[in-house]
PDB file of all heavy atoms in Angstrom:
ATOM      1  N   ASP A   1       0.828  -1.198  -0.002  1.00  0.00           N
ATOM      2  CA  ASP A   1       0.012   0.002   0.000  1.00  0.00           C
ATOM      3  C   ASP A   1       0.853   1.261   0.013  1.00  0.00           C
ATOM      4  O   ASP A   1       0.537   2.243  -0.664  1.00  0.00           O
ATOM      5  CB  ASP A   1      -0.928   0.007   1.222  1.00  0.00           C
ATOM      6  CG  ASP A   1      -2.001  -1.073   1.156  1.00  0.00           C
ATOM      7  OD1 ASP A   1      -2.233  -1.619   0.062  1.00  0.00           O
ATOM      8  OD2 ASP A   1      -2.587  -1.363   2.216  1.00  0.00           O
ATOM      9  N   TYR A   2       1.943   1.215   0.751  1.00  0.00           N
ATOM     10  CA  TYR A   2       2.852   2.352   0.816  1.00  0.00           C
ATOM     11  C   TYR A   2       3.523   2.613  -0.538  1.00  0.00           C
ATOM     12  O   TYR A   2       3.573   3.744  -1.030  1.00  0.00           O
ATOM     13  CB  TYR A   2       3.908   2.101   1.880  1.00  0.00           C
ATOM     14  CG  TYR A   2       4.782   3.300   2.182  1.00  0.00           C
ATOM     15  CD1 TYR A   2       4.417   4.236   3.138  1.00  0.00           C
ATOM     16  CD2 TYR A   2       5.999   3.488   1.528  1.00  0.00           C
ATOM     17  CE1 TYR A   2       5.227   5.324   3.437  1.00  0.00           C
ATOM     18  CE2 TYR A   2       6.797   4.570   1.807  1.00  0.00           C
ATOM     19  CZ  TYR A   2       6.407   5.496   2.765  1.00  0.00           C
ATOM     20  OH  TYR A   2       7.212   6.571   3.032  1.00  0.00           O
ATOM     21  N   LEU A   3       4.019   1.545  -1.159  1.00  0.00           N
ATOM     22  CA  LEU A   3       4.680   1.698  -2.456  1.00  0.00           C
ATOM     23  C   LEU A   3       3.730   2.246  -3.509  1.00  0.00           C
ATOM     24  O   LEU A   3       4.151   3.009  -4.389  1.00  0.00           O
ATOM     25  CB  LEU A   3       5.242   0.352  -2.895  1.00  0.00           C
ATOM     26  CG  LEU A   3       6.509  -0.111  -2.159  1.00  0.00           C
ATOM     27  CD1 LEU A   3       6.781  -1.588  -2.457  1.00  0.00           C
ATOM     28  CD2 LEU A   3       7.707   0.749  -2.547  1.00  0.00           C
ATOM     29  N   GLU A   4       2.467   1.870  -3.416  1.00  0.00           N
ATOM     30  CA  GLU A   4       1.492   2.358  -4.386  1.00  0.00           C
ATOM     31  C   GLU A   4       1.242   3.854  -4.261  1.00  0.00           C
ATOM     32  O   GLU A   4       0.800   4.507  -5.211  1.00  0.00           O
ATOM     33  CB  GLU A   4       0.182   1.583  -4.246  1.00  0.00           C
ATOM     34  CG  GLU A   4       0.298   0.141  -4.730  1.00  0.00           C
ATOM     35  CD  GLU A   4      -0.967  -0.673  -4.512  1.00  0.00           C
ATOM     36  OE1 GLU A   4      -1.846  -0.205  -3.742  1.00  0.00           O
ATOM     37  OE2 GLU A   4      -1.064  -1.777  -5.075  1.00  0.00           O
ATOM     38  N   LYS A   5       1.575   4.426  -3.094  1.00  0.00           N
ATOM     39  CA  LYS A   5       1.398   5.872  -2.897  1.00  0.00           C
ATOM     40  C   LYS A   5       2.535   6.670  -3.540  1.00  0.00           C
ATOM     41  O   LYS A   5       2.382   7.862  -3.769  1.00  0.00           O
ATOM     42  CB  LYS A   5       1.362   6.208  -1.400  1.00  0.00           C
ATOM     43  CG  LYS A   5       0.199   5.628  -0.622  1.00  0.00           C
ATOM     44  CD  LYS A   5       0.344   5.986   0.848  1.00  0.00           C
ATOM     45  CE  LYS A   5      -0.793   5.400   1.673  1.00  0.00           C
ATOM     46  NZ  LYS A   5      -0.603   5.702   3.129  1.00  0.00           N
ATOM     47  N   LEU A   6       3.637   6.018  -3.796  1.00  0.00           N
ATOM     48  CA  LEU A   6       4.804   6.713  -4.280  1.00  0.00           C
ATOM     49  C   LEU A   6       4.797   6.847  -5.798  1.00  0.00           C
ATOM     50  O   LEU A   6       4.358   5.951  -6.505  1.00  0.00           O
ATOM     51  CB  LEU A   6       6.087   5.972  -3.858  1.00  0.00           C
ATOM     52  CG  LEU A   6       6.256   5.740  -2.350  1.00  0.00           C
ATOM     53  CD1 LEU A   6       7.519   4.923  -2.075  1.00  0.00           C
ATOM     54  CD2 LEU A   6       6.304   7.068  -1.594  1.00  0.00           C
ATOM     55  N   SER A   7       5.322   7.942  -6.285  1.00  0.00           N
ATOM     56  CA  SER A   7       5.401   8.152  -7.727  1.00  0.00           C
ATOM     57  C   SER A   7       6.495   7.285  -8.347  1.00  0.00           C
ATOM     58  O   SER A   7       7.405   6.822  -7.631  1.00  0.00           O
ATOM     59  CB  SER A   7       5.688   9.627  -8.027  1.00  0.00           C
ATOM     60  OG  SER A   7       7.027   9.934  -7.658  1.00  0.00           O
ATOM     61  N   PRO A   8       6.443   7.058  -9.641  1.00  0.00           N
ATOM     62  CA  PRO A   8       7.504   6.278 -10.304  1.00  0.00           C
ATOM     63  C   PRO A   8       8.891   6.854 -10.094  1.00  0.00           C
ATOM     64  O   PRO A   8       9.872   6.091  -9.984  1.00  0.00           O
ATOM     65  CB  PRO A   8       7.103   6.321 -11.770  1.00  0.00           C
ATOM     66  CG  PRO A   8       5.607   6.472 -11.753  1.00  0.00           C
ATOM     67  CD  PRO A   8       5.338   7.365 -10.570  1.00  0.00           C
ATOM     68  N   SER A   9       9.012   8.166  -9.987  1.00  0.00           N
ATOM     69  CA  SER A   9      10.329   8.790  -9.814  1.00  0.00           C
ATOM     70  C   SER A   9      10.929   8.470  -8.449  1.00  0.00           C
ATOM     71  O   SER A   9      12.152   8.423  -8.284  1.00  0.00           O
ATOM     72  CB  SER A   9      10.229  10.311  -9.981  1.00  0.00           C
ATOM     73  OG  SER A   9       9.385  10.888  -9.003  1.00  0.00           O
ATOM     74  N   VAL A  10      10.075   8.236  -7.442  1.00  0.00           N
ATOM     75  CA  VAL A  10      10.561   7.796  -6.151  1.00  0.00           C
ATOM     76  C   VAL A  10      10.878   6.308  -6.162  1.00  0.00           C
ATOM     77  O   VAL A  10      11.918   5.875  -5.698  1.00  0.00           O
ATOM     78  CB  VAL A  10       9.539   8.103  -5.028  1.00  0.00           C
ATOM     79  CG1 VAL A  10      10.042   7.606  -3.673  1.00  0.00           C
ATOM     80  CG2 VAL A  10       9.270   9.588  -4.950  1.00  0.00           C
ATOM     81  N   ARG A  11       9.967   5.521  -6.718  1.00  0.00           N
ATOM     82  CA  ARG A  11      10.159   4.067  -6.726  1.00  0.00           C
ATOM     83  C   ARG A  11      11.454   3.683  -7.397  1.00  0.00           C
ATOM     84  O   ARG A  11      12.124   2.720  -6.957  1.00  0.00           O
ATOM     85  CB  ARG A  11       8.990   3.414  -7.464  1.00  0.00           C
ATOM     86  CG  ARG A  11       7.661   3.462  -6.723  1.00  0.00           C
ATOM     87  CD  ARG A  11       6.603   2.807  -7.594  1.00  0.00           C
ATOM     88  NE  ARG A  11       5.247   3.140  -7.144  1.00  0.00           N
ATOM     89  CZ  ARG A  11       4.172   2.941  -7.892  1.00  0.00           C
ATOM     90  NH1 ARG A  11       4.299   2.403  -9.103  1.00  0.00           N
ATOM     91  NH2 ARG A  11       2.999   3.261  -7.439  1.00  0.00           N
ATOM     92  N   GLU A  12      11.854   4.382  -8.438  1.00  0.00           N
ATOM     93  CA  GLU A  12      13.060   3.981  -9.150  1.00  0.00           C
ATOM     94  C   GLU A  12      14.341   4.217  -8.356  1.00  0.00           C
ATOM     95  O   GLU A  12      15.416   3.761  -8.737  1.00  0.00           O
ATOM     96  CB  GLU A  12      13.141   4.700 -10.493  1.00  0.00           C
ATOM     97  CG  GLU A  12      13.356   6.187 -10.423  1.00  0.00           C
ATOM     98  CD  GLU A  12      13.315   6.846 -11.774  1.00  0.00           C
ATOM     99  OE1 GLU A  12      12.883   6.202 -12.757  1.00  0.00           O
ATOM    100  OE2 GLU A  12      13.734   8.021 -11.866  1.00  0.00           O
ATOM    101  N   LYS A  13      14.216   4.905  -7.203  1.00  0.00           N
ATOM    102  CA  LYS A  13      15.346   5.072  -6.322  1.00  0.00           C
ATOM    103  C   LYS A  13      15.258   4.226  -5.047  1.00  0.00           C
ATOM    104  O   LYS A  13      16.155   4.251  -4.217  1.00  0.00           O
ATOM    105  CB  LYS A  13      15.496   6.554  -5.906  1.00  0.00           C
ATOM    106  CG  LYS A  13      15.942   7.450  -7.049  1.00  0.00           C
ATOM    107  CD  LYS A  13      16.303   8.841  -6.555  1.00  0.00           C
ATOM    108  CE  LYS A  13      16.857   9.688  -7.677  1.00  0.00           C
ATOM    109  NZ  LYS A  13      17.324  11.036  -7.220  1.00  0.00           N
ATOM    110  N   ILE A  14      14.170   3.450  -4.915  1.00  0.00           N
ATOM    111  CA  ILE A  14      13.905   2.682  -3.722  1.00  0.00           C
ATOM    112  C   ILE A  14      14.638   1.350  -3.690  1.00  0.00           C
ATOM    113  O   ILE A  14      14.655   0.611  -4.674  1.00  0.00           O
ATOM    114  CB  ILE A  14      12.390   2.392  -3.563  1.00  0.00           C
ATOM    115  CG1 ILE A  14      11.610   3.667  -3.239  1.00  0.00           C
ATOM    116  CG2 ILE A  14      12.113   1.310  -2.530  1.00  0.00           C
ATOM    117  CD1 ILE A  14      11.733   4.136  -1.832  1.00  0.00           C
ATOM    118  N   ARG A  15      15.242   1.048  -2.515  1.00  0.00           N
ATOM    119  CA  ARG A  15      15.736  -0.286  -2.243  1.00  0.00           C
ATOM    120  C   ARG A  15      14.962  -0.816  -1.039  1.00  0.00           C
ATOM    121  O   ARG A  15      14.904  -0.166   0.000  1.00  0.00           O
ATOM    122  CB  ARG A  15      17.232  -0.293  -1.945  1.00  0.00           C
ATOM    123  CG  ARG A  15      18.058   0.081  -3.162  1.00  0.00           C
ATOM    124  CD  ARG A  15      19.432  -0.505  -3.169  1.00  0.00           C
ATOM    125  NE  ARG A  15      20.153  -0.084  -4.369  1.00  0.00           N
ATOM    126  CZ  ARG A  15      21.244  -0.660  -4.845  1.00  0.00           C
ATOM    127  NH1 ARG A  15      21.746  -1.719  -4.217  1.00  0.00           N
ATOM    128  NH2 ARG A  15      21.838  -0.221  -5.908  1.00  0.00           N
ATOM    129  N   LEU A  16      14.399  -1.989  -1.195  1.00  0.00           N
ATOM    130  CA  LEU A  16      13.565  -2.590  -0.147  1.00  0.00           C
ATOM    131  C   LEU A  16      14.414  -3.341   0.870  1.00  0.00           C
ATOM    132  O   LEU A  16      15.265  -4.154   0.501  1.00  0.00           O
ATOM    133  CB  LEU A  16      12.579  -3.564  -0.762  1.00  0.00           C
ATOM    134  CG  LEU A  16      11.278  -3.044  -1.351  1.00  0.00           C
ATOM    135  CD1 LEU A  16      10.464  -4.224  -1.890  1.00  0.00           C
ATOM    136  CD2 LEU A  16      10.461  -2.286  -0.319  1.00  0.00           C
ATOM    137  N   HIS A  17      14.141  -3.111   2.161  1.00  0.00           N
ATOM    138  CA  HIS A  17      14.813  -3.849   3.221  1.00  0.00           C
ATOM    139  C   HIS A  17      14.028  -5.092   3.610  1.00  0.00           C
ATOM    140  O   HIS A  17      14.620  -6.039   4.168  1.00  0.00           O
ATOM    141  CB  HIS A  17      14.994  -2.956   4.452  1.00  0.00           C
ATOM    142  CG  HIS A  17      16.149  -2.015   4.341  1.00  0.00           C
ATOM    143  ND1 HIS A  17      17.057  -1.831   5.362  1.00  0.00           N
ATOM    144  CD2 HIS A  17      16.543  -1.197   3.328  1.00  0.00           C
ATOM    145  CE1 HIS A  17      17.974  -0.937   4.979  1.00  0.00           C
ATOM    146  NE2 HIS A  17      17.678  -0.538   3.762  1.00  0.00           N
ATOM    147  N   ASP A  18      12.746  -5.116   3.371  1.00  0.00           N
ATOM    148  CA  ASP A  18      11.901  -6.252   3.722  1.00  0.00           C
ATOM    149  C   ASP A  18      10.882  -6.503   2.626  1.00  0.00           C
ATOM    150  O   ASP A  18      10.692  -5.662   1.731  1.00  0.00           O
ATOM    151  CB  ASP A  18      11.162  -5.956   5.049  1.00  0.00           C
ATOM    152  CG  ASP A  18      12.108  -5.781   6.219  1.00  0.00           C
ATOM    153  OD1 ASP A  18      12.600  -6.803   6.740  1.00  0.00           O
ATOM    154  OD2 ASP A  18      12.345  -4.622   6.599  1.00  0.00           O
ATOM    155  N   HIS A  19      10.239  -7.663   2.690  1.00  0.00           N
ATOM    156  CA  HIS A  19       9.208  -8.022   1.718  1.00  0.00           C
ATOM    157  C   HIS A  19       9.752  -7.946   0.287  1.00  0.00           C
ATOM    158  O   HIS A  19       9.195  -7.295  -0.592  1.00  0.00           O
ATOM    159  CB  HIS A  19       7.965  -7.169   1.903  1.00  0.00           C
ATOM    160  CG  HIS A  19       7.471  -7.124   3.317  1.00  0.00           C
ATOM    161  ND1 HIS A  19       6.980  -8.251   3.949  1.00  0.00           N
ATOM    162  CD2 HIS A  19       7.456  -6.126   4.247  1.00  0.00           C
ATOM    163  CE1 HIS A  19       6.655  -7.932   5.204  1.00  0.00           C
ATOM    164  NE2 HIS A  19       6.952  -6.666   5.405  1.00  0.00           N
ATOM    165  N   HIS A  20      10.872  -8.624   0.103  1.00  0.00           N
ATOM    166  CA  HIS A  20      11.583  -8.564  -1.159  1.00  0.00           C
ATOM    167  C   HIS A  20      10.755  -9.064  -2.341  1.00  0.00           C
ATOM    168  O   HIS A  20      11.016  -8.709  -3.490  1.00  0.00           O
ATOM    169  CB  HIS A  20      12.866  -9.380  -1.079  1.00  0.00           C
ATOM    170  CG  HIS A  20      13.914  -8.716  -0.214  1.00  0.00           C
ATOM    171  ND1 HIS A  20      15.060  -9.370   0.183  1.00  0.00           N
ATOM    172  CD2 HIS A  20      13.971  -7.470   0.324  1.00  0.00           C
ATOM    173  CE1 HIS A  20      15.800  -8.556   0.928  1.00  0.00           C
ATOM    174  NE2 HIS A  20      15.159  -7.400   1.028  1.00  0.00           N
ATOM    175  N   GLY A  21       9.742  -9.864  -2.059  1.00  0.00           N
ATOM    176  CA  GLY A  21       8.888 -10.373  -3.121  1.00  0.00           C
ATOM    177  C   GLY A  21       8.128  -9.284  -3.861  1.00  0.00           C
ATOM    178  O   GLY A  21       7.646  -9.510  -4.981  1.00  0.00           O
ATOM    179  N   LEU A  22       8.022  -8.115  -3.256  1.00  0.00           N
ATOM    180  CA  LEU A  22       7.319  -7.004  -3.910  1.00  0.00           C
ATOM    181  C   LEU A  22       8.118  -6.368  -5.047  1.00  0.00           C
ATOM    182  O   LEU A  22       7.578  -5.585  -5.811  1.00  0.00           O
ATOM    183  CB  LEU A  22       6.968  -5.916  -2.878  1.00  0.00           C
ATOM    184  CG  LEU A  22       5.933  -6.320  -1.830  1.00  0.00           C
ATOM    185  CD1 LEU A  22       5.788  -5.204  -0.789  1.00  0.00           C
ATOM    186  CD2 LEU A  22       4.582  -6.607  -2.481  1.00  0.00           C
ATOM    187  N   PHE A  23       9.395  -6.705  -5.111  1.00  0.00           N
ATOM    188  CA  PHE A  23      10.232  -6.093  -6.158  1.00  0.00           C
ATOM    189  C   PHE A  23       9.644  -6.322  -7.550  1.00  0.00           C
ATOM    190  O   PHE A  23       9.684  -5.425  -8.403  1.00  0.00           O
ATOM    191  CB  PHE A  23      11.651  -6.681  -6.099  1.00  0.00           C
ATOM    192  CG  PHE A  23      12.587  -6.107  -7.116  1.00  0.00           C
ATOM    193  CD1 PHE A  23      13.289  -4.943  -6.871  1.00  0.00           C
ATOM    194  CD2 PHE A  23      12.776  -6.754  -8.336  1.00  0.00           C
ATOM    195  CE1 PHE A  23      14.150  -4.414  -7.819  1.00  0.00           C
ATOM    196  CE2 PHE A  23      13.629  -6.234  -9.287  1.00  0.00           C
ATOM    197  CZ  PHE A  23      14.317  -5.067  -9.015  1.00  0.00           C
ATOM    198  N   ALA A  24       9.119  -7.517  -7.778  1.00  0.00           N
ATOM    199  CA  ALA A  24       8.596  -7.862  -9.103  1.00  0.00           C
ATOM    200  C   ALA A  24       7.352  -7.056  -9.475  1.00  0.00           C
ATOM    201  O   ALA A  24       7.032  -6.943 -10.653  1.00  0.00           O
ATOM    202  CB  ALA A  24       8.289  -9.360  -9.159  1.00  0.00           C
ATOM    203  N   SER A  25       6.675  -6.457  -8.487  1.00  0.00           N
ATOM    204  CA  SER A  25       5.434  -5.727  -8.748  1.00  0.00           C
ATOM    205  C   SER A  25       5.658  -4.241  -8.968  1.00  0.00           C
ATOM    206  O   SER A  25       4.728  -3.541  -9.384  1.00  0.00           O
ATOM    207  CB  SER A  25       4.463  -5.927  -7.570  1.00  0.00           C
ATOM    208  OG  SER A  25       4.164  -7.288  -7.380  1.00  0.00           O
ATOM    209  N   PHE A  26       6.845  -3.770  -8.668  1.00  0.00           N
ATOM    210  CA  PHE A  26       7.128  -2.336  -8.786  1.00  0.00           C
ATOM    211  C   PHE A  26       8.481  -2.115  -9.463  1.00  0.00           C
ATOM    212  O   PHE A  26       9.376  -2.956  -9.360  1.00  0.00           O
ATOM    213  CB  PHE A  26       7.137  -1.670  -7.395  1.00  0.00           C
ATOM    214  CG  PHE A  26       5.843  -1.769  -6.659  1.00  0.00           C
ATOM    215  CD1 PHE A  26       5.584  -2.847  -5.820  1.00  0.00           C
ATOM    216  CD2 PHE A  26       4.854  -0.801  -6.813  1.00  0.00           C
ATOM    217  CE1 PHE A  26       4.373  -2.941  -5.137  1.00  0.00           C
ATOM    218  CE2 PHE A  26       3.650  -0.893  -6.136  1.00  0.00           C
ATOM    219  CZ  PHE A  26       3.412  -1.970  -5.290  1.00  0.00           C
ATOM    220  N   HIS A  27       8.616  -0.996 -10.127  1.00  0.00           N
ATOM    221  CA  HIS A  27       9.883  -0.674 -10.795  1.00  0.00           C
ATOM    222  C   HIS A  27      10.799  -0.006  -9.776  1.00  0.00           C
ATOM    223  O   HIS A  27      10.861   1.216  -9.682  1.00  0.00           O
ATOM    224  CB  HIS A  27       9.633   0.243 -11.980  1.00  0.00           C
ATOM    225  CG  HIS A  27      10.857   0.549 -12.774  1.00  0.00           C
ATOM    226  ND1 HIS A  27      11.584  -0.418 -13.419  1.00  0.00           N
ATOM    227  CD2 HIS A  27      11.517   1.709 -12.993  1.00  0.00           C
ATOM    228  CE1 HIS A  27      12.629   0.128 -14.029  1.00  0.00           C
ATOM    229  NE2 HIS A  27      12.611   1.436 -13.783  1.00  0.00           N
ATOM    230  N   LEU A  28      11.500  -0.827  -8.993  1.00  0.00           N
ATOM    231  CA  LEU A  28      12.349  -0.333  -7.918  1.00  0.00           C
ATOM    232  C   LEU A  28      13.835  -0.418  -8.303  1.00  0.00           C
ATOM    233  O   LEU A  28      14.183  -1.105  -9.262  1.00  0.00           O
ATOM    234  CB  LEU A  28      12.111  -1.146  -6.652  1.00  0.00           C
ATOM    235  CG  LEU A  28      10.658  -1.278  -6.171  1.00  0.00           C
ATOM    236  CD1 LEU A  28      10.586  -2.155  -4.923  1.00  0.00           C
ATOM    237  CD2 LEU A  28      10.051   0.083  -5.920  1.00  0.00           C
ATOM    238  N   GLN A  29      14.668   0.293  -7.539  1.00  0.00           N
ATOM    239  CA  GLN A  29      16.096   0.257  -7.815  1.00  0.00           C
ATOM    240  C   GLN A  29      16.740  -1.066  -7.464  1.00  0.00           C
ATOM    241  O   GLN A  29      17.601  -1.554  -8.187  1.00  0.00           O
ATOM    242  CB  GLN A  29      16.803   1.388  -7.063  1.00  0.00           C
ATOM    243  CG  GLN A  29      18.278   1.535  -7.377  1.00  0.00           C
ATOM    244  CD  GLN A  29      18.948   2.570  -6.513  1.00  0.00           C
ATOM    245  OE1 GLN A  29      19.522   2.242  -5.486  1.00  0.00           O
ATOM    246  NE2 GLN A  29      18.840   3.832  -6.920  1.00  0.00           N
ATOM    247  N   GLY A  30      16.332  -1.667  -6.334  1.00  0.00           N
ATOM    248  CA  GLY A  30      16.963  -2.915  -5.922  1.00  0.00           C
ATOM    249  C   GLY A  30      16.508  -3.369  -4.561  1.00  0.00           C
ATOM    250  O   GLY A  30      15.538  -2.869  -3.989  1.00  0.00           O
ATOM    251  N   LEU A  31      17.250  -4.342  -4.005  1.00  0.00           N
ATOM    252  CA  LEU A  31      16.954  -4.929  -2.706  1.00  0.00           C
ATOM    253  C   LEU A  31      18.143  -4.747  -1.771  1.00  0.00           C
ATOM    254  O   LEU A  31      19.292  -4.654  -2.209  1.00  0.00           O
ATOM    255  CB  LEU A  31      16.643  -6.419  -2.851  1.00  0.00           C
ATOM    256  CG  LEU A  31      15.461  -6.805  -3.724  1.00  0.00           C
ATOM    257  CD1 LEU A  31      15.320  -8.332  -3.740  1.00  0.00           C
ATOM    258  CD2 LEU A  31      14.179  -6.153  -3.253  1.00  0.00           C
ATOM    259  N   HIS A  32      17.836  -4.706  -0.469  1.00  0.00           N
ATOM    260  CA  HIS A  32      18.874  -4.558   0.551  1.00  0.00           C
ATOM    261  C   HIS A  32      18.865  -5.766   1.454  1.00  0.00           C
ATOM    262  O   HIS A  32      17.816  -6.205   1.925  1.00  0.00           O
ATOM    263  CB  HIS A  32      18.609  -3.294   1.371  1.00  0.00           C
ATOM    264  CG  HIS A  32      19.708  -2.980   2.346  1.00  0.00           C
ATOM    265  ND1 HIS A  32      20.888  -2.376   1.961  1.00  0.00           N
ATOM    266  CD2 HIS A  32      19.829  -3.199   3.670  1.00  0.00           C
ATOM    267  CE1 HIS A  32      21.676  -2.216   3.021  1.00  0.00           C
ATOM    268  NE2 HIS A  32      21.056  -2.730   4.069  1.00  0.00           N
ATOM    269  N   LEU A  33      20.047  -6.322   1.704  1.00  0.00           N
ATOM    270  CA  LEU A  33      20.186  -7.496   2.563  1.00  0.00           C
ATOM    271  C   LEU A  33      20.552  -7.052   3.971  1.00  0.00           C
ATOM    272  O   LEU A  33      21.286  -6.084   4.163  1.00  0.00           O
ATOM    273  CB  LEU A  33      21.262  -8.415   2.006  1.00  0.00           C
ATOM    274  CG  LEU A  33      21.108  -8.865   0.553  1.00  0.00           C
ATOM    275  CD1 LEU A  33      22.265  -9.756   0.130  1.00  0.00           C
ATOM    276  CD2 LEU A  33      19.765  -9.584   0.341  1.00  0.00           C
ATOM    277  N   ASN A  34      20.037  -7.801   4.951  1.00  0.00           N
ATOM    278  CA  ASN A  34      20.300  -7.482   6.341  1.00  0.00           C
ATOM    279  C   ASN A  34      20.189  -8.757   7.170  1.00  0.00           C
ATOM    280  O   ASN A  34      20.090  -9.849   6.608  1.00  0.00           O
ATOM    281  CB  ASN A  34      19.306  -6.392   6.838  1.00  0.00           C
ATOM    282  CG  ASN A  34      17.873  -6.730   6.485  1.00  0.00           C
ATOM    283  OD1 ASN A  34      17.414  -7.847   6.687  1.00  0.00           O
ATOM    284  ND2 ASN A  34      17.150  -5.760   5.915  1.00  0.00           N
ATOM    285  N   ARG A  35      20.169  -8.625   8.494  1.00  0.00           N
ATOM    286  CA  ARG A  35      20.099  -9.809   9.340  1.00  0.00           C
ATOM    287  C   ARG A  35      18.770 -10.550   9.169  1.00  0.00           C
ATOM    288  O   ARG A  35      18.706 -11.774   9.361  1.00  0.00           O
ATOM    289  CB  ARG A  35      20.309  -9.417  10.794  1.00  0.00           C
ATOM    290  CG  ARG A  35      21.745  -8.970  11.089  1.00  0.00           C
ATOM    291  CD  ARG A  35      21.914  -8.469  12.494  1.00  0.00           C
ATOM    292  NE  ARG A  35      23.300  -8.050  12.772  1.00  0.00           N
ATOM    293  CZ  ARG A  35      23.688  -7.439  13.865  1.00  0.00           C
ATOM    294  NH1 ARG A  35      22.795  -7.172  14.816  1.00  0.00           N
ATOM    295  NH2 ARG A  35      24.949  -7.090  14.011  1.00  0.00           N
ATOM    296  N   ARG A  36      17.712  -9.844   8.878  1.00  0.00           N
ATOM    297  CA  ARG A  36      16.405 -10.482   8.679  1.00  0.00           C
ATOM    298  C   ARG A  36      16.374 -11.229   7.337  1.00  0.00           C
ATOM    299  O   ARG A  36      15.689 -12.237   7.210  1.00  0.00           O
ATOM    300  CB  ARG A  36      15.295  -9.437   8.725  1.00  0.00           C
ATOM    301  CG  ARG A  36      15.124  -8.752  10.069  1.00  0.00           C
ATOM    302  CD  ARG A  36      13.942  -7.804  10.099  1.00  0.00           C
ATOM    303  NE  ARG A  36      14.024  -6.730   9.088  1.00  0.00           N
ATOM    304  CZ  ARG A  36      14.742  -5.631   9.228  1.00  0.00           C
ATOM    305  NH1 ARG A  36      15.457  -5.440  10.328  1.00  0.00           N
ATOM    306  NH2 ARG A  36      14.751  -4.708   8.277  1.00  0.00           N
ATOM    307  N   HIS A  37      17.069 -10.677   6.361  1.00  0.00           N
ATOM    308  CA  HIS A  37      17.079 -11.236   5.004  1.00  0.00           C
ATOM    309  C   HIS A  37      18.516 -11.240   4.496  1.00  0.00           C
ATOM    310  O   HIS A  37      18.924 -10.370   3.728  1.00  0.00           O
ATOM    311  CB  HIS A  37      16.197 -10.399   4.074  1.00  0.00           C
ATOM    312  CG  HIS A  37      14.807 -10.180   4.617  1.00  0.00           C
ATOM    313  ND1 HIS A  37      13.867 -11.184   4.645  1.00  0.00           N
ATOM    314  CD2 HIS A  37      14.226  -9.076   5.180  1.00  0.00           C
ATOM    315  CE1 HIS A  37      12.746 -10.692   5.186  1.00  0.00           C
ATOM    316  NE2 HIS A  37      12.951  -9.434   5.522  1.00  0.00           N
ATOM    317  N   PRO A  38      19.303 -12.223   4.903  1.00  0.00           N
ATOM    318  CA  PRO A  38      20.722 -12.258   4.543  1.00  0.00           C
ATOM    319  C   PRO A  38      21.011 -12.637   3.114  1.00  0.00           C
ATOM    320  O   PRO A  38      22.109 -12.412   2.595  1.00  0.00           O
ATOM    321  CB  PRO A  38      21.317 -13.275   5.502  1.00  0.00           C
ATOM    322  CG  PRO A  38      20.170 -14.195   5.816  1.00  0.00           C
ATOM    323  CD  PRO A  38      18.962 -13.312   5.840  1.00  0.00           C
ATOM    324  N   LEU A  39      20.011 -13.221   2.419  1.00  0.00           N
ATOM    325  CA  LEU A  39      20.205 -13.672   1.044  1.00  0.00           C
ATOM    326  C   LEU A  39      19.099 -13.116   0.154  1.00  0.00           C
ATOM    327  O   LEU A  39      17.958 -12.937   0.590  1.00  0.00           O
ATOM    328  CB  LEU A  39      20.204 -15.201   0.983  1.00  0.00           C
ATOM    329  CG  LEU A  39      21.306 -15.930   1.763  1.00  0.00           C
ATOM    330  CD1 LEU A  39      21.041 -17.435   1.728  1.00  0.00           C
ATOM    331  CD2 LEU A  39      22.672 -15.601   1.188  1.00  0.00           C
ATOM    332  N   PRO A  40      19.409 -12.889  -1.118  1.00  0.00           N
ATOM    333  CA  PRO A  40      18.357 -12.410  -2.046  1.00  0.00           C
ATOM    334  C   PRO A  40      17.399 -13.549  -2.374  1.00  0.00           C
ATOM    335  O   PRO A  40      17.741 -14.724  -2.241  1.00  0.00           O
ATOM    336  CB  PRO A  40      19.179 -11.995  -3.270  1.00  0.00           C
ATOM    337  CG  PRO A  40      20.411 -12.839  -3.227  1.00  0.00           C
ATOM    338  CD  PRO A  40      20.723 -12.992  -1.758  1.00  0.00           C
ATOM    339  N   PRO A  41      16.219 -13.207  -2.856  1.00  0.00           N
ATOM    340  CA  PRO A  41      15.260 -14.242  -3.257  1.00  0.00           C
ATOM    341  C   PRO A  41      15.821 -15.094  -4.403  1.00  0.00           C
ATOM    342  O   PRO A  41      16.628 -14.604  -5.210  1.00  0.00           O
ATOM    343  CB  PRO A  41      14.044 -13.441  -3.723  1.00  0.00           C
ATOM    344  CG  PRO A  41      14.219 -12.082  -3.126  1.00  0.00           C
ATOM    345  CD  PRO A  41      15.671 -11.841  -3.039  1.00  0.00           C
ATOM    346  N   ALA A  42      15.404 -16.315  -4.471  1.00  0.00           N
ATOM    347  CA  ALA A  42      15.858 -17.210  -5.526  1.00  0.00           C
ATOM    348  C   ALA A  42      15.509 -16.604  -6.896  1.00  0.00           C
ATOM    349  O   ALA A  42      14.401 -16.156  -7.129  1.00  0.00           O
ATOM    350  CB  ALA A  42      15.199 -18.576  -5.384  1.00  0.00           C
ATOM    351  N   GLY A  43      16.478 -16.570  -7.771  1.00  0.00           N
ATOM    352  CA  GLY A  43      16.272 -16.067  -9.120  1.00  0.00           C
ATOM    353  C   GLY A  43      16.418 -14.569  -9.284  1.00  0.00           C
ATOM    354  O   GLY A  43      16.373 -14.061 -10.406  1.00  0.00           O
TER     355      GLY A  43
END
């Protein structure tokens, strides 16, 4: 819901720290790995 509020110009600079599966639904810059998510999603 939060990502849907953001304009494309913001989304293209976004890196997600959680809920990495949402990357495929939005045109985002990338993903961020941390202790909660030490590895990227398969593929």
